[in-house]
Protein backbone atom coordinates (compact mmCIF):
# COMPACT_ATOMS: atom_id res chain seq x y z
CA MET A 1 -13.06 -5.82 19.76
CA GLU A 2 -9.41 -6.78 20.14
CA LYS A 3 -7.54 -7.13 16.87
CA SER A 4 -5.93 -10.43 15.95
CA TYR A 5 -2.76 -8.78 14.71
CA ASP A 6 -0.05 -6.24 15.50
CA VAL A 7 1.43 -3.72 13.05
CA HIS A 8 5.10 -2.75 13.08
CA LEU A 9 6.14 0.30 11.08
CA LEU A 10 9.55 0.79 9.47
CA GLN A 11 10.61 4.06 7.90
CA VAL A 12 13.11 3.40 5.13
CA GLY A 13 14.62 5.44 2.34
CA ALA A 14 17.41 6.21 -0.07
CA GLU A 15 18.29 9.62 -1.44
CA ARG A 16 15.02 11.44 -2.19
CA PHE A 17 12.79 8.45 -1.45
CA ARG A 18 11.18 8.01 1.96
CA ASN A 19 8.97 4.97 2.26
CA TYR A 20 7.09 3.12 4.93
CA ASN A 21 7.25 -0.65 5.22
CA TYR A 22 4.83 -2.49 7.44
CA ILE A 23 5.15 -5.88 9.12
CA ILE A 24 1.85 -7.43 10.23
CA VAL A 25 2.06 -10.27 12.75
CA ASP A 26 -0.88 -12.51 13.60
CA LYS A 27 -1.02 -12.80 17.40
CA TYR A 28 -2.18 -16.41 17.39
CA SER A 29 -0.04 -18.10 14.74
CA ASN A 30 2.93 -15.70 14.82
CA GLU A 31 2.82 -15.68 11.03
CA ALA A 32 3.77 -12.41 9.39
CA VAL A 33 3.64 -10.43 6.17
CA ILE A 34 5.74 -7.48 5.11
CA ILE A 35 4.28 -4.84 2.80
CA ASP A 36 6.42 -3.24 0.05
CA PRO A 37 9.94 -4.10 1.30
CA ALA A 38 12.49 -1.60 0.02
CA TRP A 39 15.81 0.14 0.65
CA ASP A 40 17.10 -1.07 4.03
CA LEU A 41 17.63 -4.84 4.10
CA ASN A 42 19.46 -4.89 7.43
CA LEU A 43 16.73 -2.90 9.15
CA ILE A 44 14.04 -5.20 7.82
CA LEU A 45 15.94 -8.40 8.63
CA GLY A 46 16.67 -7.12 12.13
CA GLN A 47 13.00 -6.40 12.80
CA ILE A 48 11.87 -9.76 11.44
CA ARG A 49 14.40 -11.52 13.67
CA ARG A 50 13.39 -9.50 16.73
CA LEU A 51 9.77 -10.44 16.15
CA ASN A 52 10.80 -14.11 15.91
CA VAL A 53 7.96 -14.89 13.50
CA ASN A 54 7.16 -18.40 12.33
CA SER A 55 6.90 -17.45 8.66
CA ILE A 56 6.95 -14.39 6.44
CA SER A 57 5.14 -13.53 3.21
CA ILE A 58 5.45 -10.41 1.05
CA LEU A 59 2.54 -8.22 -0.06
CA LEU A 60 3.15 -5.70 -2.84
CA THR A 61 0.86 -2.74 -3.50
CA HIS A 62 2.45 -2.11 -6.90
CA SER A 63 5.59 -2.72 -8.92
CA HIS A 64 7.51 0.57 -8.70
CA ASP A 65 11.10 -0.03 -7.68
CA ASP A 66 10.86 1.90 -4.41
CA HIS A 67 8.25 -0.63 -3.26
CA VAL A 68 9.79 -3.88 -4.50
CA ASN A 69 13.56 -3.57 -4.61
CA LEU A 70 14.15 -5.87 -1.64
CA VAL A 71 11.86 -8.68 -2.75
CA ARG A 72 14.59 -10.79 -4.32
CA PRO A 73 17.13 -10.15 -1.52
CA LEU A 74 14.54 -11.23 1.06
CA LEU A 75 13.86 -14.40 -0.91
CA GLY A 76 17.50 -15.24 -0.30
CA TYR A 77 16.67 -15.49 3.41
CA PHE A 78 13.06 -16.70 3.46
CA ASP A 79 10.92 -19.03 1.39
CA ALA A 80 8.26 -16.34 1.17
CA LYS A 81 5.21 -16.16 -1.05
CA VAL A 82 5.05 -12.87 -2.95
CA TYR A 83 1.57 -11.44 -3.59
CA MET A 84 0.82 -8.86 -6.31
CA SER A 85 -2.32 -8.15 -8.31
CA ALA A 86 -2.62 -10.07 -11.57
CA ALA A 87 -3.37 -6.80 -13.38
CA GLU A 88 -0.10 -5.27 -12.17
CA ILE A 89 1.90 -8.38 -13.08
CA ASP A 90 0.38 -8.58 -16.54
CA TYR A 91 0.78 -4.90 -17.42
CA TYR A 92 4.39 -4.44 -16.27
CA GLY A 93 5.71 -7.97 -16.63
CA PHE A 94 6.76 -8.16 -12.99
CA ASP A 95 8.34 -11.50 -12.15
CA THR A 96 10.06 -13.10 -9.20
CA GLU A 97 10.21 -16.45 -7.46
CA ASN A 98 7.16 -17.60 -5.47
CA LEU A 99 4.91 -15.02 -7.16
CA VAL A 100 1.19 -15.39 -6.37
CA PRO A 101 -1.21 -13.24 -8.45
CA PHE A 102 -4.42 -12.08 -6.82
CA GLN A 103 -7.67 -10.69 -8.13
CA ASP A 104 -9.81 -7.93 -6.69
CA MET A 105 -11.41 -8.96 -3.40
CA ASP A 106 -9.28 -12.08 -3.00
CA GLU A 107 -8.49 -12.80 0.64
CA ILE A 108 -5.22 -13.80 2.25
CA ARG A 109 -5.45 -15.53 5.61
CA LEU A 110 -2.70 -14.89 8.12
CA GLY A 111 -3.50 -17.12 11.09
CA ARG A 112 -6.77 -15.65 12.38
CA THR A 113 -6.20 -12.40 10.48
CA LEU A 114 -8.01 -11.83 7.20
CA ILE A 115 -6.47 -9.54 4.59
CA SER A 116 -8.69 -8.36 1.73
CA CYS A 117 -6.99 -7.37 -1.51
CA LEU A 118 -8.55 -4.29 -3.12
CA VAL A 119 -7.31 -3.63 -6.64
CA THR A 120 -7.18 0.16 -6.90
CA PRO A 121 -5.68 1.28 -10.23
CA GLY A 122 -4.80 4.88 -10.91
CA HIS A 123 -1.22 5.33 -9.78
CA THR A 124 -0.36 2.17 -11.72
CA ALA A 125 -2.43 -0.15 -13.88
CA GLY A 126 -2.99 -2.73 -11.14
CA GLY A 127 -2.11 -1.06 -7.87
CA ALA A 128 -3.70 -2.48 -4.75
CA CYS A 129 -4.57 -1.73 -1.14
CA PHE A 130 -4.73 -4.28 1.67
CA LEU A 131 -7.66 -4.02 4.07
CA LEU A 132 -7.69 -5.54 7.56
CA ALA A 133 -10.17 -5.13 10.39
CA GLY A 134 -8.73 -1.81 11.49
CA HIS A 135 -6.12 -0.85 8.91
CA LEU A 136 -5.89 0.04 5.23
CA PHE A 137 -2.42 -0.27 3.71
CA SER A 138 -2.84 2.00 0.73
CA GLY A 139 0.54 2.09 -1.02
CA ASP A 140 0.64 5.01 -3.44
CA THR A 141 -3.10 5.05 -4.08
CA LEU A 142 -4.06 7.13 -1.06
CA PHE A 143 -1.84 9.24 1.17
CA THR A 144 -2.89 11.05 4.33
CA GLU A 145 -2.41 14.32 2.49
CA GLY A 146 -3.40 13.43 -1.09
CA CYS A 147 -3.17 10.63 -3.65
CA GLY A 148 -0.56 9.19 -5.97
CA ILE A 149 0.50 10.67 -9.27
CA CYS A 150 -1.33 9.38 -12.33
CA ASN A 151 1.02 10.31 -15.17
CA ALA A 152 3.50 7.43 -14.97
CA PRO A 153 3.15 4.51 -17.43
CA GLY A 154 -0.10 2.70 -16.70
CA GLY A 155 -1.42 5.49 -14.53
CA SER A 156 -4.87 6.98 -15.04
CA PRO A 157 -6.60 9.86 -13.24
CA ASP A 158 -9.94 8.41 -14.34
CA GLU A 159 -9.14 5.11 -12.62
CA MET A 160 -7.72 6.96 -9.60
CA PHE A 161 -11.03 8.77 -9.16
CA ASN A 162 -12.87 5.44 -9.27
CA SER A 163 -10.46 3.90 -6.76
CA ILE A 164 -10.73 6.84 -4.37
CA GLN A 165 -14.53 6.73 -4.58
CA ARG A 166 -14.47 3.02 -3.89
CA ILE A 167 -12.35 3.48 -0.79
CA LYS A 168 -14.65 6.25 0.41
CA HIS A 169 -17.72 4.07 0.11
CA THR A 170 -16.42 0.67 1.19
CA VAL A 171 -13.88 1.29 3.96
CA ALA A 172 -15.25 2.15 7.40
CA PRO A 173 -14.39 5.61 8.80
CA HIS A 174 -12.68 4.15 11.89
CA VAL A 175 -10.10 2.27 9.78
CA CYS A 176 -6.58 3.73 10.04
CA VAL A 177 -4.82 4.51 6.77
CA TYR A 178 -1.18 3.47 6.43
CA PRO A 179 0.24 4.73 3.10
CA GLY A 180 3.54 4.02 1.40
CA HIS A 181 4.80 7.57 1.95
CA SER A 182 4.24 10.52 4.24
CA TYR A 183 4.20 14.14 3.07
CA GLY A 184 3.83 15.90 6.39
CA LYS A 185 1.72 13.67 8.62
CA ALA A 186 2.64 10.33 10.12
CA PRO A 187 0.74 7.21 9.02
CA GLY A 188 -2.24 6.11 11.05
CA TYR A 189 -4.94 8.76 10.67
CA THR A 190 -8.43 7.34 10.29
CA LEU A 191 -10.27 7.41 7.01
CA GLY A 192 -12.85 9.56 8.79
CA TYR A 193 -10.15 12.18 9.35
CA LEU A 194 -9.06 11.98 5.72
CA LEU A 195 -12.65 12.40 4.58
CA GLN A 196 -12.59 15.81 6.23
CA SER A 197 -9.07 16.90 5.28
CA ASN A 198 -7.82 15.18 2.10
CA ILE A 199 -8.81 17.26 -0.91
CA TYR A 200 -8.98 14.24 -3.22
CA LEU A 201 -11.55 12.61 -0.96
CA LEU A 202 -13.61 15.81 -0.97
CA ILE A 203 -14.03 15.95 -4.76
CA ASP A 204 -17.06 13.98 -5.96
CA ASP A 205 -17.10 15.12 -9.58
CA LYS A 206 -14.85 13.03 -11.84
CA GLU A 207 -14.03 15.83 -14.29
CA VAL A 208 -13.11 18.20 -11.47
CA PHE A 209 -10.97 15.48 -9.89
CA ILE A 210 -9.12 14.72 -13.13
CA ASN A 211 -8.50 18.38 -13.94
CA PHE A 212 -7.20 19.04 -10.43
CA ARG A 213 -5.01 15.93 -10.23
CA MET A 214 -3.51 16.59 -13.68
CA ARG A 215 -3.30 20.37 -13.43
CA LYS A 216 -0.26 21.92 -15.07
CA ASN A 217 2.43 24.07 -13.49
CA GLN A 218 2.21 22.41 -10.08
CA GLN A 219 5.11 23.81 -8.10
CA HIS A 220 5.54 20.52 -6.28
CA ILE A 221 3.64 17.34 -7.18
CA PHE A 222 3.69 16.20 -3.56
CA ARG A 223 2.08 19.32 -2.14
CA PHE A 224 -1.58 18.54 -2.22
CA SER A 225 -3.31 21.77 -1.26
């Protein structure tokens, strides 16, 4: 079945941060959303202008600066709604113009494209993923190679386990996972592939998961093997 939307990937970064931003454009209405805008305003503005979209909204997976630092600059150019989970807003006090809180399983309609908001705490207190017909935009909850850290304020390995299990059991294997960062593999592998290769998806025991995620003396927190 043909998808109602196109996905445009932008790799952005500053210093040690390397992020992925995603622009989703509904094919029928030419409405668009951008996920987690950060770092490179000119790159993002240039892509939005090239796409010649009718409107733009902003979806935020969580409130860490490397995922939100271009929200206010973009609001200087567009009258965009800004979506973030109510749990994330409440815990961290995130605030900006045009802010729209959402609850778990709320839906955002983009023309004929339906976006489901999955609240997936663990990396932060109210982190979220956005699920479309063929894509999961997973922020820092789930990477191709691993999952997000759980030791920052509001993080919880217990909640991360629950969120990972939820993704495993509710997202179809054919859905492509598009995370906020890459640690060796480009975005776009299917969940079915991750179910075979991502160690955090292979652990079904919560205590084992927590002990492994929070293990001490990790030589590099972003090496997941």
